[in-house]
């Protein structure tokens, strides 16, 4: 059975273990005035792989990382699936090679058409 927190009109706060279907308004255990159920967020701590490491761990590694972060920040490069950017000189050379191939192909077509005409 879950435990619920209650607060009465007089300001008394207490905890009570009740079944799930119990009403949200109960008489106060101390003074008998109406008490309402108080919603309290459960404490939530993300630990383990895949979550950010925080200072709540109390680990000496974190203190060392924070001390070293005053120097230069660490950067990571993720280039999976990204094509590299061509430099202008490389693109120009590639274009010239393509032109030579086209000219060679045109010369072959002309030569073969002359042979076919003869």
C-alpha atoms as a PDB file:
ATOM      1  CA  UNK A   1       0.000   0.000   0.000  1.00  0.00           C
ATOM      2  CA  UNK A   2       1.262   3.513  -0.782  1.00  0.00           C
ATOM      3  CA  UNK A   3       2.044   6.165   1.792  1.00  0.00           C
ATOM      4  CA  UNK A   4       0.414   9.594   1.405  1.00  0.00           C
ATOM      5  CA  UNK A   5       1.269  12.957   2.949  1.00  0.00           C
ATOM      6  CA  UNK A   6      -1.603  14.985   4.428  1.00  0.00           C
ATOM      7  CA  UNK A   7      -1.868  18.603   5.619  1.00  0.00           C
ATOM      8  CA  UNK A   8      -4.782  19.869   7.690  1.00  0.00           C
ATOM      9  CA  UNK A   9      -6.241  23.402   7.914  1.00  0.00           C
ATOM     10  CA  UNK A  10      -4.455  23.942  11.235  1.00  0.00           C
ATOM     11  CA  UNK A  11      -1.089  23.234   9.574  1.00  0.00           C
ATOM     12  CA  UNK A  12      -0.430  19.712  10.880  1.00  0.00           C
ATOM     13  CA  UNK A  13       1.492  17.543   8.426  1.00  0.00           C
ATOM     14  CA  UNK A  14       1.559  13.758   8.687  1.00  0.00           C
ATOM     15  CA  UNK A  15       2.022  10.633   6.603  1.00  0.00           C
ATOM     16  CA  UNK A  16      -0.470   7.803   6.378  1.00  0.00           C
ATOM     17  CA  UNK A  17      -0.423   4.416   4.656  1.00  0.00           C
ATOM     18  CA  UNK A  18      -3.693   3.801   2.798  1.00  0.00           C
ATOM     19  CA  UNK A  19      -5.007   1.753  -0.142  1.00  0.00           C
ATOM     20  CA  UNK A  20      -5.132   3.261  -3.628  1.00  0.00           C
ATOM     21  CA  UNK A  21      -8.853   4.016  -3.658  1.00  0.00           C
ATOM     22  CA  UNK A  22      -8.891   6.056  -0.433  1.00  0.00           C
ATOM     23  CA  UNK A  23     -10.416   9.568  -0.564  1.00  0.00           C
ATOM     24  CA  UNK A  24      -8.118  12.601  -0.846  1.00  0.00           C
ATOM     25  CA  UNK A  25      -9.761  14.339   2.128  1.00  0.00           C
ATOM     26  CA  UNK A  26      -9.421  12.756   5.579  1.00  0.00           C
ATOM     27  CA  UNK A  27      -9.938  14.007   9.137  1.00  0.00           C
ATOM     28  CA  UNK A  28      -6.626  15.096  10.706  1.00  0.00           C
ATOM     29  CA  UNK A  29      -5.135  12.536  13.103  1.00  0.00           C
ATOM     30  CA  UNK A  30      -4.077  15.279  15.560  1.00  0.00           C
ATOM     31  CA  UNK A  31      -6.948  17.814  15.601  1.00  0.00           C
ATOM     32  CA  UNK A  32      -9.794  16.241  13.587  1.00  0.00           C
ATOM     33  CA  UNK A  33     -10.064  19.120  11.084  1.00  0.00           C
ATOM     34  CA  UNK A  34     -10.251  18.237   7.367  1.00  0.00           C
ATOM     35  CA  UNK A  35      -6.870  17.326   5.895  1.00  0.00           C
ATOM     36  CA  UNK A  36      -6.078  17.200   2.185  1.00  0.00           C
ATOM     37  CA  UNK A  37      -3.631  14.899   0.448  1.00  0.00           C
ATOM     38  CA  UNK A  38      -0.417  16.677  -0.567  1.00  0.00           C
ATOM     39  CA  UNK A  39       1.170  15.663  -3.854  1.00  0.00           C
ATOM     40  CA  UNK A  40       4.908  15.169  -3.471  1.00  0.00           C
ATOM     41  CA  UNK A  41       7.221  14.534  -6.402  1.00  0.00           C
ATOM     42  CA  UNK A  42       9.361  11.456  -5.838  1.00  0.00           C
ATOM     43  CA  UNK A  43      13.116  12.000  -5.824  1.00  0.00           C
ATOM     44  CA  UNK A  44      14.505  10.966  -9.196  1.00  0.00           C
ATOM     45  CA  UNK A  45      18.182  10.313  -9.834  1.00  0.00           C
ATOM     46  CA  UNK A  46      19.497   9.205 -13.220  1.00  0.00           C
ATOM     47  CA  UNK A  47      22.480   6.901 -12.805  1.00  0.00           C
ATOM     48  CA  UNK A  48      24.226   4.542 -15.161  1.00  0.00           C
ATOM     49  CA  UNK A  49      25.294   4.605 -18.762  1.00  0.00           C
ATOM     50  CA  UNK A  50      23.593   6.993 -21.135  1.00  0.00           C
ATOM     51  CA  UNK A  51      22.883   9.775 -18.656  1.00  0.00           C
ATOM     52  CA  UNK A  52      24.881  12.856 -17.849  1.00  0.00           C
ATOM     53  CA  UNK A  53      27.243  12.545 -14.907  1.00  0.00           C
ATOM     54  CA  UNK A  54      26.522  15.071 -12.212  1.00  0.00           C
ATOM     55  CA  UNK A  55      28.191  16.187  -9.021  1.00  0.00           C
ATOM     56  CA  UNK A  56      25.670  14.190  -6.968  1.00  0.00           C
ATOM     57  CA  UNK A  57      27.889  11.123  -7.361  1.00  0.00           C
ATOM     58  CA  UNK A  58      30.588  12.584  -5.118  1.00  0.00           C
ATOM     59  CA  UNK A  59      33.283  11.032  -7.290  1.00  0.00           C
ATOM     60  CA  UNK A  60      36.817  12.418  -7.261  1.00  0.00           C
ATOM     61  CA  UNK A  61      36.962  12.103 -11.063  1.00  0.00           C
ATOM     62  CA  UNK A  62      34.293  14.756 -11.417  1.00  0.00           C
ATOM     63  CA  UNK A  63      36.198  17.187  -9.223  1.00  0.00           C
ATOM     64  CA  UNK A  64      39.300  16.583 -11.356  1.00  0.00           C
ATOM     65  CA  UNK A  65      37.319  17.168 -14.563  1.00  0.00           C
ATOM     66  CA  UNK A  66      35.848  20.393 -13.216  1.00  0.00           C
ATOM     67  CA  UNK A  67      39.303  21.608 -12.197  1.00  0.00           C
ATOM     68  CA  UNK A  68      40.742  20.808 -15.627  1.00  0.00           C
ATOM     69  CA  UNK A  69      37.780  22.399 -17.438  1.00  0.00           C
ATOM     70  CA  UNK A  70      39.237  25.827 -16.670  1.00  0.00           C
ATOM     71  CA  UNK A  71      41.881  25.078 -19.298  1.00  0.00           C
ATOM     72  CA  UNK A  72      40.763  24.361 -22.864  1.00  0.00           C
ATOM     73  CA  UNK A  73      37.349  22.710 -23.308  1.00  0.00           C
ATOM     74  CA  UNK A  74      37.369  19.285 -24.906  1.00  0.00           C
ATOM     75  CA  UNK A  75      35.660  19.085 -28.285  1.00  0.00           C
ATOM     76  CA  UNK A  76      34.627  15.993 -30.149  1.00  0.00           C
ATOM     77  CA  UNK A  77      34.139  15.648 -33.889  1.00  0.00           C
ATOM     78  CA  UNK A  78      31.443  13.389 -35.228  1.00  0.00           C
ATOM     79  CA  UNK A  79      31.678  13.118 -39.008  1.00  0.00           C
ATOM     80  CA  UNK A  80      29.971   9.800 -39.665  1.00  0.00           C
ATOM     81  CA  UNK A  81      28.032  10.003 -42.909  1.00  0.00           C
ATOM     82  CA  UNK A  82      29.176  13.525 -43.744  1.00  0.00           C
ATOM     83  CA  UNK A  83      31.116  14.051 -46.943  1.00  0.00           C
ATOM     84  CA  UNK A  84      34.256  16.152 -46.576  1.00  0.00           C
ATOM     85  CA  UNK A  85      34.170  19.634 -48.036  1.00  0.00           C
ATOM     86  CA  UNK A  86      36.373  19.922 -51.096  1.00  0.00           C
ATOM     87  CA  UNK A  87      38.960  22.654 -51.255  1.00  0.00           C
ATOM     88  CA  UNK A  88      38.617  25.029 -54.244  1.00  0.00           C
ATOM     89  CA  UNK A  89      41.902  23.855 -55.803  1.00  0.00           C
ATOM     90  CA  UNK A  90      40.862  20.213 -55.537  1.00  0.00           C
ATOM     91  CA  UNK A  91      37.460  20.961 -57.077  1.00  0.00           C
ATOM     92  CA  UNK A  92      39.134  22.854 -59.935  1.00  0.00           C
ATOM     93  CA  UNK A  93      41.534  19.967 -60.640  1.00  0.00           C
ATOM     94  CA  UNK A  94      38.642  17.530 -60.573  1.00  0.00           C
ATOM     95  CA  UNK A  95      36.751  19.708 -63.072  1.00  0.00           C
ATOM     96  CA  UNK A  96      39.761  19.816 -65.417  1.00  0.00           C
ATOM     97  CA  UNK A  97      40.090  16.034 -65.311  1.00  0.00           C
ATOM     98  CA  UNK A  98      36.405  15.690 -66.176  1.00  0.00           C
ATOM     99  CA  UNK A  99      36.831  18.073 -69.142  1.00  0.00           C
ATOM    100  CA  UNK A 100      39.762  16.018 -70.466  1.00  0.00           C
ATOM    101  CA  UNK A 101      37.719  12.832 -70.214  1.00  0.00           C
ATOM    102  CA  UNK A 102      34.840  14.474 -72.093  1.00  0.00           C
ATOM    103  CA  UNK A 103      37.192  15.769 -74.807  1.00  0.00           C
ATOM    104  CA  UNK A 104      38.714  12.328 -75.164  1.00  0.00           C
ATOM    105  CA  UNK A 105      35.275  10.763 -75.468  1.00  0.00           C
ATOM    106  CA  UNK A 106      34.229  13.315 -78.116  1.00  0.00           C
ATOM    107  CA  UNK A 107      37.423  12.641 -80.092  1.00  0.00           C
ATOM    108  CA  UNK A 108      36.695   8.910 -79.955  1.00  0.00           C
ATOM    109  CA  UNK A 109      33.145   9.504 -81.217  1.00  0.00           C
ATOM    110  CA  UNK A 110      34.406  11.680 -84.082  1.00  0.00           C
ATOM    111  CA  UNK A 111      37.063   9.131 -85.027  1.00  0.00           C
ATOM    112  CA  UNK A 112      34.571   6.287 -84.981  1.00  0.00           C
ATOM    113  CA  UNK A 113      32.065   8.272 -87.058  1.00  0.00           C
ATOM    114  CA  UNK A 114      34.792   9.069 -89.659  1.00  0.00           C
ATOM    115  CA  UNK A 115      35.674   5.370 -89.855  1.00  0.00           C
ATOM    116  CA  UNK A 116      32.002   4.514 -90.277  1.00  0.00           C
ATOM    117  CA  UNK A 117      31.691   7.058 -93.125  1.00  0.00           C
ATOM    118  CA  UNK A 118      34.650   5.576 -95.009  1.00  0.00           C
END
